[in-house]
Amino acid sequence: MFKGFLTVVEHCSICNLDLRKADSGDGPAVFLTLVLGTLLVPSALLLEVSTEPPLWVHALIWPVAITLVASLLLRPFKATMIALQYRHRASDSGTETYD
């Protein structure tokens, strides 16, 4: 589905669906932000309460963790959003039919 890190190919190699019109917009990033906040904020708080590390430890750990998790999950979230657009015939995906 992807030809680059986040660039969508023009056509599906299996069903020949035109994916140029499938634009997920900011949806995947919004959902990813919610997931990251739900997972990493309690983790940071737990680390702070349990070990009370210096501030530089938090400054070292959490930006790396956020970047790594976001990089790993952004493609699946984008693919899921495009699949949902196709499944529910969202008008932005170009899959609606006019009879």
PDB file of N, CA and C in Angstrom:
ATOM      1  N   MET A   1       0.813  -1.186   0.000  1.00  0.00           N
ATOM      2  CA  MET A   1       0.000   0.000   0.000  1.00  0.00           C
ATOM      3  C   MET A   1       0.867   1.265   0.000  1.00  0.00           C
ATOM      4  N   PHE A   2       2.069   1.174   0.542  1.00  0.00           N
ATOM      5  CA  PHE A   2       2.944   2.335   0.625  1.00  0.00           C
ATOM      6  C   PHE A   2       4.146   2.155  -0.287  1.00  0.00           C
ATOM      7  N   LYS A   3       4.584   3.246  -0.910  1.00  0.00           N
ATOM      8  CA  LYS A   3       5.804   3.187  -1.704  1.00  0.00           C
ATOM      9  C   LYS A   3       6.944   3.907  -1.009  1.00  0.00           C
ATOM     10  N   GLY A   4       6.653   4.711  -0.054  1.00  0.00           N
ATOM     11  CA  GLY A   4       7.641   5.378   0.780  1.00  0.00           C
ATOM     12  C   GLY A   4       7.260   5.146   2.223  1.00  0.00           C
ATOM     13  N   PHE A   5       7.785   5.989   3.115  1.00  0.00           N
ATOM     14  CA  PHE A   5       7.435   5.797   4.523  1.00  0.00           C
ATOM     15  C   PHE A   5       5.949   6.000   4.761  1.00  0.00           C
ATOM     16  N   LEU A   6       5.383   7.045   4.172  1.00  0.00           N
ATOM     17  CA  LEU A   6       3.943   7.306   4.325  1.00  0.00           C
ATOM     18  C   LEU A   6       3.261   7.645   3.009  1.00  0.00           C
ATOM     19  N   THR A   7       3.959   7.525   1.894  1.00  0.00           N
ATOM     20  CA  THR A   7       3.389   7.840   0.592  1.00  0.00           C
ATOM     21  C   THR A   7       2.603   6.643   0.071  1.00  0.00           C
ATOM     22  N   VAL A   8       1.348   6.872  -0.260  1.00  0.00           N
ATOM     23  CA  VAL A   8       0.465   5.809  -0.731  1.00  0.00           C
ATOM     24  C   VAL A   8       0.686   5.599  -2.232  1.00  0.00           C
ATOM     25  N   VAL A   9       0.697   4.332  -2.681  1.00  0.00           N
ATOM     26  CA  VAL A   9       0.845   4.030  -4.106  1.00  0.00           C
ATOM     27  C   VAL A   9      -0.391   4.520  -4.851  1.00  0.00           C
ATOM     28  N   GLU A  10      -0.281   4.611  -6.179  1.00  0.00           N
ATOM     29  CA  GLU A  10      -1.398   5.135  -6.970  1.00  0.00           C
ATOM     30  C   GLU A  10      -2.549   4.150  -7.092  1.00  0.00           C
ATOM     31  N   HIS A  11      -2.242   2.850  -7.257  1.00  0.00           N
ATOM     32  CA  HIS A  11      -3.276   1.830  -7.425  1.00  0.00           C
ATOM     33  C   HIS A  11      -2.936   0.612  -6.581  1.00  0.00           C
ATOM     34  N   CYS A  12      -3.967  -0.041  -6.057  1.00  0.00           N
ATOM     35  CA  CYS A  12      -3.782  -1.291  -5.319  1.00  0.00           C
ATOM     36  C   CYS A  12      -3.316  -2.364  -6.294  1.00  0.00           C
ATOM     37  N   SER A  13      -2.298  -3.123  -5.908  1.00  0.00           N
ATOM     38  CA  SER A  13      -1.768  -4.151  -6.802  1.00  0.00           C
ATOM     39  C   SER A  13      -2.702  -5.359  -6.898  1.00  0.00           C
ATOM     40  N   ILE A  14      -3.640  -5.501  -5.995  1.00  0.00           N
ATOM     41  CA  ILE A  14      -4.543  -6.653  -6.000  1.00  0.00           C
ATOM     42  C   ILE A  14      -5.869  -6.335  -6.684  1.00  0.00           C
ATOM     43  N   CYS A  15      -6.521  -5.260  -6.267  1.00  0.00           N
ATOM     44  CA  CYS A  15      -7.857  -4.961  -6.800  1.00  0.00           C
ATOM     45  C   CYS A  15      -7.871  -3.769  -7.761  1.00  0.00           C
ATOM     46  N   ASN A  16      -6.717  -3.140  -7.967  1.00  0.00           N
ATOM     47  CA  ASN A  16      -6.576  -2.002  -8.871  1.00  0.00           C
ATOM     48  C   ASN A  16      -7.404  -0.783  -8.440  1.00  0.00           C
ATOM     49  N   LEU A  17      -7.680  -0.664  -7.143  1.00  0.00           N
ATOM     50  CA  LEU A  17      -8.399   0.486  -6.606  1.00  0.00           C
ATOM     51  C   LEU A  17      -7.520   1.723  -6.717  1.00  0.00           C
ATOM     52  N   ASP A  18      -8.088   2.823  -7.164  1.00  0.00           N
ATOM     53  CA  ASP A  18      -7.359   4.082  -7.282  1.00  0.00           C
ATOM     54  C   ASP A  18      -7.163   4.674  -5.890  1.00  0.00           C
ATOM     55  N   LEU A  19      -5.943   4.606  -5.385  1.00  0.00           N
ATOM     56  CA  LEU A  19      -5.649   5.089  -4.036  1.00  0.00           C
ATOM     57  C   LEU A  19      -5.179   6.541  -4.013  1.00  0.00           C
ATOM     58  N   ARG A  20      -5.080   7.179  -5.173  1.00  0.00           N
ATOM     59  CA  ARG A  20      -4.649   8.580  -5.208  1.00  0.00           C
ATOM     60  C   ARG A  20      -5.667   9.477  -4.518  1.00  0.00           C
ATOM     61  N   LYS A  21      -6.921   9.107  -4.547  1.00  0.00           N
ATOM     62  CA  LYS A  21      -7.972   9.920  -3.938  1.00  0.00           C
ATOM     63  C   LYS A  21      -8.166   9.599  -2.460  1.00  0.00           C
ATOM     64  N   ALA A  22      -7.574   8.533  -1.982  1.00  0.00           N
ATOM     65  CA  ALA A  22      -7.735   8.133  -0.582  1.00  0.00           C
ATOM     66  C   ALA A  22      -6.801   8.964   0.284  1.00  0.00           C
ATOM     67  N   ASP A  23      -7.356   9.968   0.926  1.00  0.00           N
ATOM     68  CA  ASP A  23      -6.562  10.852   1.770  1.00  0.00           C
ATOM     69  C   ASP A  23      -7.056  10.717   3.200  1.00  0.00           C
ATOM     70  N   SER A  24      -6.192  10.221   4.063  1.00  0.00           N
ATOM     71  CA  SER A  24      -6.607  10.031   5.449  1.00  0.00           C
ATOM     72  C   SER A  24      -6.500  11.315   6.259  1.00  0.00           C
ATOM     73  N   GLY A  25      -5.845  12.324   5.712  1.00  0.00           N
ATOM     74  CA  GLY A  25      -5.738  13.615   6.403  1.00  0.00           C
ATOM     75  C   GLY A  25      -5.003  13.494   7.727  1.00  0.00           C
ATOM     76  N   ASP A  26      -5.504  14.194   8.734  1.00  0.00           N
ATOM     77  CA  ASP A  26      -4.879  14.190  10.054  1.00  0.00           C
ATOM     78  C   ASP A  26      -5.453  13.120  10.974  1.00  0.00           C
ATOM     79  N   GLY A  27      -6.399  12.335  10.482  1.00  0.00           N
ATOM     80  CA  GLY A  27      -7.049  11.331  11.322  1.00  0.00           C
ATOM     81  C   GLY A  27      -6.098  10.369  12.012  1.00  0.00           C
ATOM     82  N   PRO A  28      -5.180   9.734  11.266  1.00  0.00           N
ATOM     83  CA  PRO A  28      -4.259   8.804  11.927  1.00  0.00           C
ATOM     84  C   PRO A  28      -3.401   9.478  12.994  1.00  0.00           C
ATOM     85  N   ALA A  29      -2.957  10.695  12.740  1.00  0.00           N
ATOM     86  CA  ALA A  29      -2.124  11.400  13.728  1.00  0.00           C
ATOM     87  C   ALA A  29      -2.925  11.732  14.988  1.00  0.00           C
ATOM     88  N   VAL A  30      -4.190  12.067  14.818  1.00  0.00           N
ATOM     89  CA  VAL A  30      -5.030  12.374  15.981  1.00  0.00           C
ATOM     90  C   VAL A  30      -5.235  11.126  16.836  1.00  0.00           C
ATOM     91  N   PHE A  31      -5.592  10.028  16.209  1.00  0.00           N
ATOM     92  CA  PHE A  31      -5.794   8.785  16.965  1.00  0.00           C
ATOM     93  C   PHE A  31      -4.497   8.302  17.588  1.00  0.00           C
ATOM     94  N   LEU A  32      -3.398   8.470  16.874  1.00  0.00           N
ATOM     95  CA  LEU A  32      -2.100   8.076  17.405  1.00  0.00           C
ATOM     96  C   LEU A  32      -1.725   8.924  18.614  1.00  0.00           C
ATOM     97  N   THR A  33      -2.040  10.205  18.570  1.00  0.00           N
ATOM     98  CA  THR A  33      -1.784  11.080  19.715  1.00  0.00           C
ATOM     99  C   THR A  33      -2.566  10.615  20.935  1.00  0.00           C
ATOM    100  N   LEU A  34      -3.808  10.221  20.722  1.00  0.00           N
ATOM    101  CA  LEU A  34      -4.623   9.715  21.841  1.00  0.00           C
ATOM    102  C   LEU A  34      -4.042   8.424  22.410  1.00  0.00           C
ATOM    103  N   VAL A  35      -3.603   7.519  21.540  1.00  0.00           N
ATOM    104  CA  VAL A  35      -3.020   6.251  21.994  1.00  0.00           C
ATOM    105  C   VAL A  35      -1.706   6.494  22.726  1.00  0.00           C
ATOM    106  N   LEU A  36      -0.857   7.345  22.156  1.00  0.00           N
ATOM    107  CA  LEU A  36       0.426   7.638  22.810  1.00  0.00           C
ATOM    108  C   LEU A  36       0.222   8.297  24.162  1.00  0.00           C
ATOM    109  N   GLY A  37      -0.710   9.219  24.245  1.00  0.00           N
ATOM    110  CA  GLY A  37      -0.991   9.865  25.522  1.00  0.00           C
ATOM    111  C   GLY A  37      -1.502   8.879  26.556  1.00  0.00           C
ATOM    112  N   THR A  38      -2.347   7.969  26.112  1.00  0.00           N
ATOM    113  CA  THR A  38      -2.906   6.976  27.022  1.00  0.00           C
ATOM    114  C   THR A  38      -1.838   6.006  27.527  1.00  0.00           C
ATOM    115  N   LEU A  39      -0.879   5.662  26.679  1.00  0.00           N
ATOM    116  CA  LEU A  39       0.154   4.701  27.068  1.00  0.00           C
ATOM    117  C   LEU A  39       1.353   5.340  27.767  1.00  0.00           C
ATOM    118  N   LEU A  40       1.840   6.446  27.234  1.00  0.00           N
ATOM    119  CA  LEU A  40       3.114   6.968  27.706  1.00  0.00           C
ATOM    120  C   LEU A  40       3.018   7.930  28.889  1.00  0.00           C
ATOM    121  N   VAL A  41       1.938   8.677  29.015  1.00  0.00           N
ATOM    122  CA  VAL A  41       1.816   9.575  30.168  1.00  0.00           C
ATOM    123  C   VAL A  41       1.736   8.783  31.477  1.00  0.00           C
ATOM    124  N   PRO A  42       0.902   7.731  31.567  1.00  0.00           N
ATOM    125  CA  PRO A  42       0.934   6.931  32.797  1.00  0.00           C
ATOM    126  C   PRO A  42       2.296   6.263  33.028  1.00  0.00           C
ATOM    127  N   SER A  43       2.972   5.888  31.954  1.00  0.00           N
ATOM    128  CA  SER A  43       4.304   5.293  32.106  1.00  0.00           C
ATOM    129  C   SER A  43       5.288   6.300  32.690  1.00  0.00           C
ATOM    130  N   ALA A  44       5.238   7.528  32.211  1.00  0.00           N
ATOM    131  CA  ALA A  44       6.121   8.570  32.741  1.00  0.00           C
ATOM    132  C   ALA A  44       5.796   8.868  34.206  1.00  0.00           C
ATOM    133  N   LEU A  45       4.522   8.921  34.521  1.00  0.00           N
ATOM    134  CA  LEU A  45       4.130   9.159  35.908  1.00  0.00           C
ATOM    135  C   LEU A  45       4.546   8.014  36.816  1.00  0.00           C
ATOM    136  N   LEU A  46       4.400   6.793  36.341  1.00  0.00           N
ATOM    137  CA  LEU A  46       4.815   5.630  37.125  1.00  0.00           C
ATOM    138  C   LEU A  46       6.318   5.641  37.370  1.00  0.00           C
ATOM    139  N   LEU A  47       7.097   5.974  36.349  1.00  0.00           N
ATOM    140  CA  LEU A  47       8.543   6.074  36.513  1.00  0.00           C
ATOM    141  C   LEU A  47       8.897   7.152  37.532  1.00  0.00           C
ATOM    142  N   GLU A  48       8.230   8.277  37.459  1.00  0.00           N
ATOM    143  CA  GLU A  48       8.508   9.377  38.388  1.00  0.00           C
ATOM    144  C   GLU A  48       8.174   8.995  39.828  1.00  0.00           C
ATOM    145  N   VAL A  49       7.038   8.372  40.025  1.00  0.00           N
ATOM    146  CA  VAL A  49       6.611   8.021  41.376  1.00  0.00           C
ATOM    147  C   VAL A  49       7.468   6.894  41.958  1.00  0.00           C
ATOM    148  N   SER A  50       7.818   5.932  41.121  1.00  0.00           N
ATOM    149  CA  SER A  50       8.530   4.758  41.646  1.00  0.00           C
ATOM    150  C   SER A  50      10.023   4.995  41.870  1.00  0.00           C
ATOM    151  N   THR A  51      10.682   5.754  40.997  1.00  0.00           N
ATOM    152  CA  THR A  51      12.134   5.898  41.131  1.00  0.00           C
ATOM    153  C   THR A  51      12.612   7.334  41.326  1.00  0.00           C
ATOM    154  N   GLU A  52      11.771   8.321  41.068  1.00  0.00           N
ATOM    155  CA  GLU A  52      12.119   9.733  41.177  1.00  0.00           C
ATOM    156  C   GLU A  52      13.455  10.049  40.491  1.00  0.00           C
ATOM    157  N   PRO A  53      13.531   9.781  39.177  1.00  0.00           N
ATOM    158  CA  PRO A  53      14.791  10.065  38.471  1.00  0.00           C
ATOM    159  C   PRO A  53      14.966  11.570  38.269  1.00  0.00           C
ATOM    160  N   PRO A  54      16.186  12.007  37.962  1.00  0.00           N
ATOM    161  CA  PRO A  54      16.383  13.425  37.642  1.00  0.00           C
ATOM    162  C   PRO A  54      15.624  13.802  36.363  1.00  0.00           C
ATOM    163  N   LEU A  55      15.399  15.080  36.187  1.00  0.00           N
ATOM    164  CA  LEU A  55      14.638  15.567  35.040  1.00  0.00           C
ATOM    165  C   LEU A  55      15.283  15.186  33.711  1.00  0.00           C
ATOM    166  N   TRP A  56      16.613  15.143  33.650  1.00  0.00           N
ATOM    167  CA  TRP A  56      17.291  14.826  32.399  1.00  0.00           C
ATOM    168  C   TRP A  56      16.979  13.399  31.937  1.00  0.00           C
ATOM    169  N   VAL A  57      16.662  12.505  32.874  1.00  0.00           N
ATOM    170  CA  VAL A  57      16.299  11.129  32.503  1.00  0.00           C
ATOM    171  C   VAL A  57      14.976  11.133  31.747  1.00  0.00           C
ATOM    172  N   HIS A  58      14.024  11.897  32.240  1.00  0.00           N
ATOM    173  CA  HIS A  58      12.746  12.031  31.528  1.00  0.00           C
ATOM    174  C   HIS A  58      12.971  12.674  30.164  1.00  0.00           C
ATOM    175  N   ALA A  59      13.816  13.705  30.110  1.00  0.00           N
ATOM    176  CA  ALA A  59      14.095  14.397  28.852  1.00  0.00           C
ATOM    177  C   ALA A  59      14.807  13.496  27.858  1.00  0.00           C
ATOM    178  N   LEU A  60      15.487  12.479  28.343  1.00  0.00           N
ATOM    179  CA  LEU A  60      16.181  11.543  27.469  1.00  0.00           C
ATOM    180  C   LEU A  60      15.266  10.397  27.020  1.00  0.00           C
ATOM    181  N   ILE A  61      14.462   9.873  27.909  1.00  0.00           N
ATOM    182  CA  ILE A  61      13.647   8.680  27.632  1.00  0.00           C
ATOM    183  C   ILE A  61      12.416   8.986  26.779  1.00  0.00           C
ATOM    184  N   TRP A  62      11.610   9.959  27.173  1.00  0.00           N
ATOM    185  CA  TRP A  62      10.280  10.109  26.584  1.00  0.00           C
ATOM    186  C   TRP A  62      10.263  10.647  25.169  1.00  0.00           C
ATOM    187  N   PRO A  63      11.110  11.576  24.770  1.00  0.00           N
ATOM    188  CA  PRO A  63      11.106  11.950  23.343  1.00  0.00           C
ATOM    189  C   PRO A  63      11.501  10.794  22.419  1.00  0.00           C
ATOM    190  N   VAL A  64      12.446   9.981  22.869  1.00  0.00           N
ATOM    191  CA  VAL A  64      12.848   8.813  22.074  1.00  0.00           C
ATOM    192  C   VAL A  64      11.706   7.807  22.002  1.00  0.00           C
ATOM    193  N   ALA A  65      11.066   7.546  23.136  1.00  0.00           N
ATOM    194  CA  ALA A  65       9.956   6.593  23.158  1.00  0.00           C
ATOM    195  C   ALA A  65       8.793   7.073  22.293  1.00  0.00           C
ATOM    196  N   ILE A  66       8.460   8.339  22.383  1.00  0.00           N
ATOM    197  CA  ILE A  66       7.356   8.890  21.596  1.00  0.00           C
ATOM    198  C   ILE A  66       7.670   8.803  20.105  1.00  0.00           C
ATOM    199  N   THR A  67       8.878   9.187  19.723  1.00  0.00           N
ATOM    200  CA  THR A  67       9.271   9.143  18.312  1.00  0.00           C
ATOM    201  C   THR A  67       9.269   7.722  17.780  1.00  0.00           C
ATOM    202  N   LEU A  68       9.799   6.789  18.545  1.00  0.00           N
ATOM    203  CA  LEU A  68       9.860   5.390  18.113  1.00  0.00           C
ATOM    204  C   LEU A  68       8.466   4.785  17.960  1.00  0.00           C
ATOM    205  N   VAL A  69       7.631   4.945  18.963  1.00  0.00           N
ATOM    206  CA  VAL A  69       6.280   4.366  18.913  1.00  0.00           C
ATOM    207  C   VAL A  69       5.448   5.029  17.809  1.00  0.00           C
ATOM    208  N   ALA A  70       5.550   6.345  17.678  1.00  0.00           N
ATOM    209  CA  ALA A  70       4.802   7.035  16.629  1.00  0.00           C
ATOM    210  C   ALA A  70       5.250   6.589  15.246  1.00  0.00           C
ATOM    211  N   SER A  71       6.554   6.425  15.057  1.00  0.00           N
ATOM    212  CA  SER A  71       7.069   5.970  13.757  1.00  0.00           C
ATOM    213  C   SER A  71       6.601   4.559  13.421  1.00  0.00           C
ATOM    214  N   LEU A  72       6.508   3.708  14.418  1.00  0.00           N
ATOM    215  CA  LEU A  72       6.081   2.329  14.184  1.00  0.00           C
ATOM    216  C   LEU A  72       4.581   2.214  13.938  1.00  0.00           C
ATOM    217  N   LEU A  73       3.790   3.076  14.547  1.00  0.00           N
ATOM    218  CA  LEU A  73       2.331   2.938  14.469  1.00  0.00           C
ATOM    219  C   LEU A  73       1.655   3.832  13.430  1.00  0.00           C
ATOM    220  N   LEU A  74       2.352   4.817  12.887  1.00  0.00           N
ATOM    221  CA  LEU A  74       1.685   5.749  11.977  1.00  0.00           C
ATOM    222  C   LEU A  74       1.235   5.073  10.688  1.00  0.00           C
ATOM    223  N   ARG A  75       2.041   4.198  10.108  1.00  0.00           N
ATOM    224  CA  ARG A  75       1.644   3.505   8.874  1.00  0.00           C
ATOM    225  C   ARG A  75       0.423   2.606   9.088  1.00  0.00           C
ATOM    226  N   PRO A  76       0.401   1.759  10.141  1.00  0.00           N
ATOM    227  CA  PRO A  76      -0.813   0.952  10.352  1.00  0.00           C
ATOM    228  C   PRO A  76      -2.062   1.802  10.598  1.00  0.00           C
ATOM    229  N   PHE A  77      -1.914   2.916  11.324  1.00  0.00           N
ATOM    230  CA  PHE A  77      -3.061   3.784  11.561  1.00  0.00           C
ATOM    231  C   PHE A  77      -3.537   4.417  10.255  1.00  0.00           C
ATOM    232  N   LYS A  78      -2.608   4.823   9.402  1.00  0.00           N
ATOM    233  CA  LYS A  78      -2.977   5.427   8.124  1.00  0.00           C
ATOM    234  C   LYS A  78      -3.650   4.391   7.228  1.00  0.00           C
ATOM    235  N   ALA A  79      -3.105   3.181   7.174  1.00  0.00           N
ATOM    236  CA  ALA A  79      -3.704   2.120   6.364  1.00  0.00           C
ATOM    237  C   ALA A  79      -5.106   1.778   6.861  1.00  0.00           C
ATOM    238  N   THR A  80      -5.276   1.735   8.167  1.00  0.00           N
ATOM    239  CA  THR A  80      -6.594   1.443   8.736  1.00  0.00           C
ATOM    240  C   THR A  80      -7.594   2.538   8.388  1.00  0.00           C
ATOM    241  N   MET A  81      -7.158   3.783   8.452  1.00  0.00           N
ATOM    242  CA  MET A  81      -8.054   4.901   8.120  1.00  0.00           C
ATOM    243  C   MET A  81      -8.481   4.843   6.653  1.00  0.00           C
ATOM    244  N   ILE A  82      -7.545   4.539   5.765  1.00  0.00           N
ATOM    245  CA  ILE A  82      -7.881   4.430   4.345  1.00  0.00           C
ATOM    246  C   ILE A  82      -8.809   3.245   4.105  1.00  0.00           C
ATOM    247  N   ALA A  83      -8.564   2.126   4.785  1.00  0.00           N
ATOM    248  CA  ALA A  83      -9.430   0.953   4.655  1.00  0.00           C
ATOM    249  C   ALA A  83     -10.845   1.259   5.157  1.00  0.00           C
ATOM    250  N   LEU A  84     -10.942   2.007   6.249  1.00  0.00           N
ATOM    251  CA  LEU A  84     -12.265   2.383   6.762  1.00  0.00           C
ATOM    252  C   LEU A  84     -12.985   3.331   5.818  1.00  0.00           C
ATOM    253  N   GLN A  85     -12.234   4.232   5.189  1.00  0.00           N
ATOM    254  CA  GLN A  85     -12.854   5.109   4.192  1.00  0.00           C
ATOM    255  C   GLN A  85     -13.420   4.280   3.047  1.00  0.00           C
ATOM    256  N   TYR A  86     -12.668   3.305   2.597  1.00  0.00           N
ATOM    257  CA  TYR A  86     -13.129   2.457   1.496  1.00  0.00           C
ATOM    258  C   TYR A  86     -14.328   1.623   1.933  1.00  0.00           C
ATOM    259  N   ARG A  87     -14.237   1.039   3.125  1.00  0.00           N
ATOM    260  CA  ARG A  87     -15.298   0.153   3.626  1.00  0.00           C
ATOM    261  C   ARG A  87     -16.625   0.900   3.779  1.00  0.00           C
ATOM    262  N   HIS A  88     -16.556   2.125   4.253  1.00  0.00           N
ATOM    263  CA  HIS A  88     -17.772   2.896   4.498  1.00  0.00           C
ATOM    264  C   HIS A  88     -18.082   3.891   3.381  1.00  0.00           C
ATOM    265  N   ARG A  89     -17.377   3.730   2.265  1.00  0.00           N
ATOM    266  CA  ARG A  89     -17.595   4.550   1.073  1.00  0.00           C
ATOM    267  C   ARG A  89     -17.584   6.047   1.378  1.00  0.00           C
ATOM    268  N   ALA A  90     -16.554   6.473   2.103  1.00  0.00           N
ATOM    269  CA  ALA A  90     -16.417   7.893   2.404  1.00  0.00           C
ATOM    270  C   ALA A  90     -16.148   8.662   1.114  1.00  0.00           C
ATOM    271  N   SER A  91     -16.701   9.830   0.994  1.00  0.00           N
ATOM    272  CA  SER A  91     -16.604  10.567  -0.262  1.00  0.00           C
ATOM    273  C   SER A  91     -15.174  11.006  -0.568  1.00  0.00           C
ATOM    274  N   ASP A  92     -14.345  11.245   0.430  1.00  0.00           N
ATOM    275  CA  ASP A  92     -12.964  11.655   0.187  1.00  0.00           C
ATOM    276  C   ASP A  92     -12.137  10.553  -0.456  1.00  0.00           C
ATOM    277  N   SER A  93     -12.543   9.308  -0.294  1.00  0.00           N
ATOM    278  CA  SER A  93     -11.736   8.211  -0.843  1.00  0.00           C
ATOM    279  C   SER A  93     -12.039   7.977  -2.325  1.00  0.00           C
ATOM    280  N   GLY A  94     -13.055   8.622  -2.854  1.00  0.00           N
ATOM    281  CA  GLY A  94     -13.378   8.454  -4.271  1.00  0.00           C
ATOM    282  C   GLY A  94     -14.039   7.132  -4.601  1.00  0.00           C
ATOM    283  N   THR A  95     -14.605   6.463  -3.599  1.00  0.00           N
ATOM    284  CA  THR A  95     -15.202   5.155  -3.823  1.00  0.00           C
ATOM    285  C   THR A  95     -16.714   5.189  -3.954  1.00  0.00           C
ATOM    286  N   GLU A  96     -17.321   6.374  -3.783  1.00  0.00           N
ATOM    287  CA  GLU A  96     -18.784   6.421  -3.890  1.00  0.00           C
ATOM    288  C   GLU A  96     -19.197   6.237  -5.349  1.00  0.00           C
ATOM    289  N   THR A  97     -20.339   5.686  -5.515  1.00  0.00           N
ATOM    290  CA  THR A  97     -20.846   5.481  -6.884  1.00  0.00           C
ATOM    291  C   THR A  97     -22.094   6.320  -7.071  1.00  0.00           C
ATOM    292  N   TYR A  98     -22.227   6.878  -8.226  1.00  0.00           N
ATOM    293  CA  TYR A  98     -23.401   7.663  -8.561  1.00  0.00           C
ATOM    294  C   TYR A  98     -24.232   6.892  -9.578  1.00  0.00           C
ATOM    295  N   ASP A  99     -25.424   6.570  -9.217  1.00  0.00           N
ATOM    296  CA  ASP A  99     -26.302   5.801 -10.113  1.00  0.00           C
ATOM    297  C   ASP A  99     -27.242   6.712 -10.873  1.00  0.00           C
TER     298      ASP A  99
END
